[in-house]
Amino acid sequence: MPLSRSISIFLGAVALLASGCRSKETSVTDAPPVAPVVIASRTALSNKLNVAGEFLPYEEVELHAKVAGYIRKINVDIGDHVRAGEVLATLDVPELNAQVVGATASVAQSREQIARAKSDVARAQADYTAVHISAQRLAQASKAQPGIIAEQELDNANAKDQAAAASVEAAKAALAATEQALGVSRASQTQVTSMADYSRIIAPFDGIVTWRYADPGALIQAGTSNAASAPVVKVAQVSTLRLRLPVPEALASFVHEGDTVSIFVNALHKTITGTVARSTGALDPSTRTMQVEVDVKNTDGALTPGMYAQVTLNIARSGNALAVPVQAVDTTNPQSAWLLVVDNTGHVQKRGVQIGITTANRVEITSGLKEGEQVIAANLGSYTNGQKVTPKLDVMATTAAEAQ
């Protein structure tokens, strides 16, 4: 075979091979890309918050003296359990005791003056009766026999009658004034007696003494007149404790009274349950958190104020949420979240959606998506609106999303 013919056959074969390769490359390039999709379906979702909390006394108060004095006796020490109304300490206030004695004597004196004033009223009333009867008799005699009684004598009798009546009114006024003075004396006695009662430090509720600030013989300033005055003891109610939790701003609106919480106490390696009792209803400007409290019974005294616990709150729940994997939704701006739907013709549609509960694996779609629609599961930036794709069910993404 001539060399020129061999070269021609070889070049033709190369050209044919190259043409076939180009045709195959063109067919591969023109095929729609495969898009991993998941099917929007309904399921039960719950959003949980794990946060550290601190146990605090249900009630705690530092007890101050309302009057200044020396501590005569302290009946308790730290760790002692006390009952409401129990005397914890007694102050020695000599000048106050003297005021009580003086006020009591003033009341007694006022009572004696009232008794004397009543006697004066009775005497004035008797004098008035005698004078009034005498004046009436003279008037009757003069009327029966005109001229028998001198006019001067009649005038004197009437004047004495009026003077006796005025004496009665004066005695009654003196009695009223004395009774008012008794009221003032009693008020003064009540005041100093009440102040004397404050010489005893009383437990306001059942609890435990958590601190003692003074010893017998110490001078205690009145808490009402000296802002820097030291307390005598501190009492805390620990039969029930407050577990205080900081809830982040994004989740604060989902926390409600009565929500169930799971509490793991680190120090005791124990899990207990409780419910949300109250919240501040406002965010702390410095931390942007809302303080939430859970009341925890502590009848056995195993828990102590200051302990920490890990708390899990079910802050949002839905038994029939339309959900997709979290990676299928662009939530860069939660107010304008979006996802990509593959329609029946295989074209990509960009949809704006409203989101609800978000868990670690799934996000609830409250509007903008229908159950059963195909949603691109990941790599949203690789697709454009209106693009033709070949949907393929992403089994791994579906399984991961179902793992709640």
Protein backbone atom coordinates (compact mmCIF):
# COMPACT_ATOMS: atom_id res chain seq x y z
CA MET A 1 0.00 0.00 0.00
CA PRO A 2 1.38 3.39 -0.89
CA LEU A 3 2.50 5.51 2.04
CA SER A 4 0.28 8.44 1.04
CA ARG A 5 -2.84 6.22 1.09
CA SER A 6 -1.97 4.85 4.53
CA ILE A 7 -1.57 8.35 5.89
CA SER A 8 -4.96 9.35 4.46
CA ILE A 9 -6.70 6.36 6.07
CA PHE A 10 -5.04 7.11 9.42
CA LEU A 11 -6.03 10.78 9.36
CA GLY A 12 -9.62 9.84 8.48
CA ALA A 13 -9.80 7.44 11.40
CA VAL A 14 -8.46 10.10 13.79
CA ALA A 15 -11.00 12.61 12.50
CA LEU A 16 -13.84 10.11 12.91
CA LEU A 17 -12.72 9.31 16.46
CA ALA A 18 -12.47 12.98 17.37
CA SER A 19 -15.93 13.63 15.95
CA GLY A 20 -17.36 10.81 18.07
CA CYS A 21 -15.71 12.16 21.20
CA ARG A 22 -17.10 15.63 20.53
CA SER A 23 -20.58 14.23 20.01
CA LYS A 24 -20.39 12.28 23.28
CA GLU A 25 -19.02 15.32 25.18
CA THR A 26 -21.77 17.50 23.79
CA SER A 27 -24.45 15.02 24.83
CA VAL A 28 -23.05 14.83 28.41
CA THR A 29 -22.81 18.62 28.71
CA ASP A 30 -26.35 19.21 27.47
CA ALA A 31 -27.90 16.78 30.05
CA PRO A 32 -29.64 18.52 33.06
CA PRO A 33 -27.60 18.34 36.27
CA VAL A 34 -28.72 15.97 39.01
CA ALA A 35 -30.19 17.78 42.03
CA PRO A 36 -30.49 16.00 45.39
CA VAL A 37 -34.03 16.51 46.69
CA VAL A 38 -36.16 15.64 49.71
CA ILE A 39 -39.92 15.38 49.94
CA ALA A 40 -41.65 17.94 52.18
CA SER A 41 -43.54 15.91 54.77
CA ARG A 42 -45.30 16.40 58.08
CA THR A 43 -43.83 15.28 61.39
CA ALA A 44 -43.74 16.10 65.11
CA LEU A 45 -41.14 18.71 66.02
CA SER A 46 -39.93 20.07 69.32
CA ASN A 47 -37.30 22.70 69.98
CA LYS A 48 -35.23 22.23 73.10
CA LEU A 49 -33.03 24.68 74.97
CA ASN A 50 -30.15 23.49 77.10
CA VAL A 51 -28.97 26.09 79.60
CA ALA A 52 -27.19 26.21 82.93
CA GLY A 53 -29.19 27.42 85.93
CA GLU A 54 -28.44 28.27 89.55
CA PHE A 55 -30.47 27.33 92.62
CA LEU A 56 -31.46 30.26 94.82
CA PRO A 57 -33.45 30.43 98.07
CA TYR A 58 -37.17 30.84 97.54
CA GLU A 59 -37.08 33.69 100.03
CA GLU A 60 -34.04 35.29 101.67
CA VAL A 61 -33.80 38.31 103.92
CA GLU A 62 -31.25 40.09 106.07
CA LEU A 63 -32.90 41.01 109.36
CA HIS A 64 -32.04 44.46 110.75
CA ALA A 65 -32.95 46.04 114.04
CA LYS A 66 -35.49 48.84 113.76
CA VAL A 67 -34.21 50.44 116.97
CA ALA A 68 -30.65 51.02 118.08
CA GLY A 69 -29.39 49.04 121.05
CA TYR A 70 -26.99 46.46 122.41
CA ILE A 71 -27.52 42.80 121.63
CA ARG A 72 -28.45 41.11 124.86
CA LYS A 73 -28.88 37.60 123.46
CA ILE A 74 -28.73 35.74 120.14
CA ASN A 75 -30.66 32.49 120.13
CA VAL A 76 -29.47 31.08 116.79
CA ASP A 77 -26.34 30.44 114.77
CA ILE A 78 -25.63 29.60 111.13
CA GLY A 79 -27.27 26.38 110.01
CA ASP A 80 -30.08 26.54 112.60
CA HIS A 81 -33.59 25.86 111.35
CA VAL A 82 -36.13 28.40 112.56
CA ARG A 83 -39.90 28.78 112.52
CA ALA A 84 -41.93 31.84 111.58
CA GLY A 85 -42.41 34.05 114.65
CA GLU A 86 -39.44 32.61 116.53
CA VAL A 87 -37.30 35.11 118.47
CA LEU A 88 -33.82 35.08 116.96
CA ALA A 89 -32.19 37.85 118.99
CA THR A 90 -33.06 40.32 121.75
CA LEU A 91 -31.77 43.89 122.08
CA ASP A 92 -31.22 45.85 125.27
CA VAL A 93 -32.64 49.39 124.82
CA PRO A 94 -32.86 51.05 128.30
CA GLU A 95 -34.09 54.44 127.10
CA LEU A 96 -36.89 52.76 125.14
CA ASN A 97 -37.95 50.80 128.20
CA ALA A 98 -38.10 54.07 130.13
CA GLN A 99 -40.30 55.56 127.42
CA VAL A 100 -42.66 52.60 127.72
CA VAL A 101 -42.91 53.13 131.48
CA GLY A 102 -43.54 56.85 130.98
CA ALA A 103 -46.21 56.25 128.36
CA THR A 104 -47.94 53.71 130.59
CA ALA A 105 -47.94 56.17 133.49
CA SER A 106 -49.34 58.89 131.22
CA VAL A 107 -52.22 56.63 130.26
CA ALA A 108 -52.94 55.87 133.91
CA GLN A 109 -52.86 59.57 134.76
CA SER A 110 -55.27 60.37 131.93
CA ARG A 111 -57.65 57.74 133.20
CA GLU A 112 -57.56 59.26 136.70
CA GLN A 113 -58.23 62.70 135.26
CA ILE A 114 -61.19 61.29 133.38
CA ALA A 115 -62.58 59.83 136.59
CA ARG A 116 -62.14 63.21 138.32
CA ALA A 117 -63.75 65.02 135.38
CA LYS A 118 -66.72 62.67 135.52
CA SER A 119 -67.11 63.47 139.22
CA ASP A 120 -67.00 67.17 138.41
CA VAL A 121 -69.73 66.69 135.84
CA ALA A 122 -71.88 64.80 138.32
CA ARG A 123 -71.35 67.51 140.98
CA ALA A 124 -72.15 70.30 138.54
CA GLN A 125 -75.24 68.43 137.42
CA ALA A 126 -76.43 68.05 141.02
CA ASP A 127 -75.81 71.73 141.77
CA TYR A 128 -77.66 72.72 138.64
CA THR A 129 -80.61 70.51 139.57
CA ALA A 130 -80.89 72.09 143.04
CA VAL A 131 -80.58 75.65 141.79
CA HIS A 132 -82.96 75.01 138.90
CA ILE A 133 -85.63 73.56 141.18
CA SER A 134 -85.28 76.52 143.60
CA ALA A 135 -85.65 78.99 140.76
CA GLN A 136 -88.74 77.19 139.46
CA ARG A 137 -90.38 77.26 142.93
CA LEU A 138 -89.80 81.01 143.32
CA ALA A 139 -91.22 81.59 139.86
CA GLN A 140 -94.32 79.51 140.68
CA ALA A 141 -94.85 81.33 144.01
CA SER A 142 -94.53 84.72 142.32
CA LYS A 143 -97.02 83.66 139.70
CA ALA A 144 -99.48 82.40 142.31
CA GLN A 145 -99.22 85.53 144.47
CA PRO A 146 -97.78 88.42 142.47
CA GLY A 147 -95.58 90.72 144.49
CA ILE A 148 -94.88 88.16 147.23
CA ILE A 149 -91.38 87.58 145.81
CA ALA A 150 -89.20 90.55 145.10
CA GLU A 151 -88.12 90.94 141.46
CA GLN A 152 -84.51 91.18 142.58
CA GLU A 153 -84.75 87.79 144.24
CA LEU A 154 -86.29 86.27 141.12
CA ASP A 155 -83.52 87.72 138.97
CA ASN A 156 -80.87 86.32 141.29
CA ALA A 157 -82.48 82.86 141.19
CA ASN A 158 -82.57 82.86 137.36
CA ALA A 159 -78.95 84.00 137.21
CA LYS A 160 -77.88 81.20 139.53
CA ASP A 161 -79.88 78.74 137.40
CA GLN A 162 -78.10 79.83 134.23
CA ALA A 163 -74.70 79.80 135.94
CA ALA A 164 -75.29 76.25 137.19
CA ALA A 165 -76.26 75.13 133.66
CA ALA A 166 -73.08 76.71 132.30
CA SER A 167 -71.03 74.91 134.95
CA VAL A 168 -72.49 71.60 133.77
CA GLU A 169 -71.48 72.34 130.16
CA ALA A 170 -67.99 73.39 131.30
CA ALA A 171 -67.58 70.17 133.29
CA LYS A 172 -68.67 68.11 130.25
CA ALA A 173 -66.21 69.97 128.02
CA ALA A 174 -63.41 69.31 130.53
CA LEU A 175 -64.38 65.62 130.52
CA ALA A 176 -64.23 65.52 126.71
CA ALA A 177 -60.82 67.18 126.69
CA THR A 178 -59.54 64.69 129.26
CA GLU A 179 -60.84 61.78 127.17
CA GLN A 180 -59.02 63.17 124.14
CA ALA A 181 -55.87 63.43 126.21
CA LEU A 182 -56.31 59.75 127.07
CA GLY A 183 -56.47 58.96 123.37
CA VAL A 184 -53.19 60.81 122.83
CA SER A 185 -51.59 58.99 125.74
CA ARG A 186 -52.75 55.64 124.40
CA ALA A 187 -51.36 56.43 120.94
CA SER A 188 -48.03 57.38 122.48
CA GLN A 189 -48.06 54.19 124.53
CA THR A 190 -48.82 52.10 121.43
CA GLN A 191 -45.98 53.76 119.55
CA VAL A 192 -43.32 53.18 122.17
CA THR A 193 -44.63 49.68 122.91
CA SER A 194 -44.42 48.82 119.21
CA MET A 195 -40.89 50.18 119.11
CA ALA A 196 -40.08 48.10 122.17
CA ASP A 197 -41.36 45.03 120.33
CA TYR A 198 -38.74 45.74 117.65
CA SER A 199 -36.09 45.07 120.26
CA ARG A 200 -36.75 41.43 119.41
CA ILE A 201 -35.60 40.10 116.02
CA ILE A 202 -38.33 37.75 114.76
CA ALA A 203 -38.11 35.12 111.99
CA PRO A 204 -40.50 36.16 109.19
CA PHE A 205 -40.86 32.63 107.77
CA ASP A 206 -39.74 29.05 108.23
CA GLY A 207 -36.16 28.68 107.06
CA ILE A 208 -32.52 28.31 107.93
CA VAL A 209 -30.04 30.83 109.29
CA THR A 210 -27.45 31.25 106.56
CA TRP A 211 -25.36 33.95 108.25
CA ARG A 212 -24.87 35.65 111.61
CA TYR A 213 -23.40 39.14 111.61
CA ALA A 214 -23.23 40.08 115.32
CA ASP A 215 -22.54 38.69 118.77
CA PRO A 216 -23.96 39.52 122.22
CA GLY A 217 -22.84 42.92 123.46
CA ALA A 218 -22.49 44.43 119.98
CA LEU A 219 -24.07 47.82 119.37
CA ILE A 220 -26.60 47.63 116.53
CA GLN A 221 -27.74 50.76 114.75
CA ALA A 222 -31.36 51.24 113.71
CA GLY A 223 -31.84 50.05 110.14
CA THR A 224 -34.37 52.80 109.39
CA SER A 225 -32.07 55.69 110.28
CA ASN A 226 -28.70 54.40 109.08
CA ALA A 227 -28.39 52.98 105.59
CA ALA A 228 -24.99 51.49 106.45
CA SER A 229 -26.28 49.63 109.52
CA ALA A 230 -25.30 45.97 109.67
CA PRO A 231 -27.95 43.24 109.79
CA VAL A 232 -28.14 40.83 112.71
CA VAL A 233 -28.80 37.55 110.87
CA LYS A 234 -29.73 36.31 107.41
CA VAL A 235 -32.55 33.79 106.99
CA ALA A 236 -33.37 31.80 103.84
CA GLN A 237 -36.31 29.60 102.96
CA VAL A 238 -34.87 26.44 101.40
CA SER A 239 -37.73 23.92 101.57
CA THR A 240 -38.48 25.21 98.07
CA LEU A 241 -35.78 26.66 95.81
CA ARG A 242 -35.86 28.90 92.79
CA LEU A 243 -33.90 27.61 89.78
CA ARG A 244 -33.08 30.72 87.74
CA LEU A 245 -32.32 30.36 84.02
CA PRO A 246 -31.15 32.91 81.43
CA VAL A 247 -33.11 32.39 78.19
CA PRO A 248 -31.62 33.95 75.02
CA GLU A 249 -33.50 36.73 73.26
CA ALA A 250 -34.30 34.59 70.18
CA LEU A 251 -36.11 31.99 72.31
CA ALA A 252 -37.63 34.16 75.03
CA SER A 253 -41.02 34.43 73.32
CA PHE A 254 -41.38 30.63 73.25
CA VAL A 255 -41.09 30.15 77.02
CA HIS A 256 -44.38 30.05 78.92
CA GLU A 257 -45.49 29.34 82.45
CA GLY A 258 -46.22 25.66 82.97
CA ASP A 259 -43.64 24.43 80.43
CA THR A 260 -42.00 21.19 81.55
CA VAL A 261 -38.26 21.18 82.19
CA SER A 262 -35.74 18.43 82.86
CA ILE A 263 -33.12 19.31 85.49
CA PHE A 264 -29.82 17.49 85.89
CA VAL A 265 -28.10 18.44 89.14
CA ASN A 266 -24.37 18.10 88.59
CA ALA A 267 -23.40 17.76 92.26
CA LEU A 268 -25.95 15.02 92.97
CA HIS A 269 -25.82 13.25 89.56
CA LYS A 270 -29.60 13.32 89.70
CA THR A 271 -32.32 14.28 87.23
CA ILE A 272 -35.57 15.85 88.40
CA THR A 273 -38.49 17.43 86.60
CA GLY A 274 -40.16 20.77 87.14
CA THR A 275 -42.27 23.42 85.46
CA VAL A 276 -41.67 27.06 84.61
CA ALA A 277 -43.22 29.10 87.43
CA ARG A 278 -42.53 32.68 86.33
CA SER A 279 -40.36 34.94 84.18
CA THR A 280 -39.33 38.56 84.20
CA GLY A 281 -41.21 39.17 80.96
CA ALA A 282 -38.42 41.51 79.84
CA LEU A 283 -34.84 41.19 78.62
CA ASP A 284 -31.82 42.19 80.65
CA PRO A 285 -30.24 44.99 78.55
CA SER A 286 -26.71 43.92 79.52
CA THR A 287 -27.04 40.22 78.60
CA ARG A 288 -30.04 40.26 76.23
CA THR A 289 -31.55 37.36 78.14
CA MET A 290 -34.83 36.87 79.99
CA GLN A 291 -34.68 35.44 83.51
CA VAL A 292 -36.94 32.42 83.98
CA GLU A 293 -37.58 30.67 87.30
CA VAL A 294 -38.53 27.08 88.10
CA ASP A 295 -39.76 26.20 91.61
CA VAL A 296 -38.13 22.99 92.87
CA LYS A 297 -39.23 21.21 96.04
CA ASN A 298 -36.41 20.51 98.48
CA THR A 299 -38.13 18.74 101.35
CA ASP A 300 -35.19 16.39 101.97
CA GLY A 301 -32.67 19.27 101.95
CA ALA A 302 -30.45 17.58 99.34
CA LEU A 303 -30.31 20.75 97.25
CA THR A 304 -28.53 23.82 98.55
CA PRO A 305 -28.59 27.40 97.25
CA GLY A 306 -25.71 28.08 94.90
CA MET A 307 -25.76 24.66 93.22
CA TYR A 308 -25.73 24.59 89.42
CA ALA A 309 -27.87 22.43 87.17
CA GLN A 310 -28.16 21.68 83.47
CA VAL A 311 -31.72 22.38 82.37
CA THR A 312 -33.51 21.24 79.22
CA LEU A 313 -36.66 23.13 78.23
CA ASN A 314 -39.12 22.08 75.56
CA ILE A 315 -39.72 25.63 74.49
CA ALA A 316 -41.62 24.98 71.23
CA ARG A 317 -43.65 22.02 70.01
CA SER A 318 -45.73 21.01 67.00
CA GLY A 319 -47.33 17.61 66.46
CA ASN A 320 -47.97 18.09 62.73
CA ALA A 321 -45.32 20.39 61.27
CA LEU A 322 -44.49 20.56 57.56
CA ALA A 323 -40.71 20.23 57.72
CA VAL A 324 -37.59 19.97 55.56
CA PRO A 325 -33.89 19.57 56.43
CA VAL A 326 -32.28 22.72 57.81
CA GLN A 327 -29.71 22.80 55.00
CA ALA A 328 -32.55 23.04 52.47
CA VAL A 329 -33.55 26.52 53.65
CA ASP A 330 -31.53 29.72 53.37
CA THR A 331 -32.16 31.54 56.66
CA THR A 332 -29.47 34.19 56.32
CA ASN A 333 -32.30 36.64 56.87
CA PRO A 334 -35.03 34.87 58.89
CA GLN A 335 -37.58 37.46 57.72
CA SER A 336 -37.01 36.50 54.06
CA ALA A 337 -36.05 32.83 54.18
CA TRP A 338 -36.21 30.88 50.91
CA LEU A 339 -35.72 27.43 49.40
CA LEU A 340 -35.61 25.79 45.96
CA VAL A 341 -38.51 23.61 44.76
CA VAL A 342 -38.27 21.26 41.75
CA ASP A 343 -41.64 21.31 39.93
CA ASN A 344 -43.24 18.54 37.88
CA THR A 345 -41.36 19.64 34.75
CA GLY A 346 -37.98 19.44 36.48
CA HIS A 347 -37.46 23.18 36.71
CA VAL A 348 -36.15 24.98 39.77
CA GLN A 349 -38.45 27.48 41.54
CA LYS A 350 -37.14 29.84 44.18
CA ARG A 351 -39.75 30.18 46.92
CA GLY A 352 -39.95 32.63 49.79
CA VAL A 353 -41.19 30.83 52.90
CA GLN A 354 -42.12 31.52 56.51
CA ILE A 355 -40.33 29.37 59.06
CA GLY A 356 -41.47 28.18 62.46
CA ILE A 357 -39.81 25.77 64.85
CA THR A 358 -36.15 25.05 64.11
CA THR A 359 -34.43 21.98 65.53
CA ALA A 360 -30.92 20.65 65.04
CA ASN A 361 -31.94 18.78 61.85
CA ARG A 362 -35.25 20.17 60.63
CA VAL A 363 -37.05 23.45 60.13
CA GLU A 364 -40.81 23.96 60.06
CA ILE A 365 -42.29 25.70 57.00
CA THR A 366 -45.46 27.51 57.98
CA SER A 367 -46.22 29.00 54.56
CA GLY A 368 -44.86 28.96 51.00
CA LEU A 369 -44.59 25.18 50.59
CA LYS A 370 -47.01 22.27 50.14
CA GLU A 371 -46.74 18.77 51.48
CA GLY A 372 -45.22 16.33 48.94
CA GLU A 373 -43.28 18.93 46.95
CA GLN A 374 -39.64 18.23 46.05
CA VAL A 375 -37.11 20.53 47.69
CA ILE A 376 -33.42 20.71 46.81
CA ALA A 377 -31.62 19.37 49.87
CA ALA A 378 -28.28 21.20 49.78
CA ASN A 379 -25.86 23.43 47.85
CA LEU A 380 -28.55 25.97 47.05
CA GLY A 381 -26.02 28.32 45.48
CA SER A 382 -25.33 25.78 42.70
CA TYR A 383 -28.80 26.23 41.17
CA THR A 384 -30.64 29.16 39.61
CA ASN A 385 -34.31 29.99 39.36
CA GLY A 386 -35.85 28.35 36.27
CA GLN A 387 -32.93 25.95 35.73
CA LYS A 388 -33.71 22.47 34.36
CA VAL A 389 -32.50 19.68 36.71
CA THR A 390 -32.90 15.97 37.21
CA PRO A 391 -34.25 15.42 40.77
CA LYS A 392 -32.83 12.52 42.74
CA LEU A 393 -34.04 11.60 46.22
CA ASP A 394 -31.28 12.29 48.75
CA VAL A 395 -31.64 9.35 51.12
CA MET A 396 -28.86 10.51 53.47
CA ALA A 397 -30.36 13.99 53.92
CA THR A 398 -33.79 12.51 54.55
CA THR A 399 -32.44 10.04 57.13
CA ALA A 400 -30.44 12.73 58.92
CA ALA A 401 -33.44 15.02 59.12
CA GLU A 402 -35.60 12.28 60.58
CA ALA A 403 -33.07 11.64 63.36
CA GLN A 404 -34.59 13.88 66.03
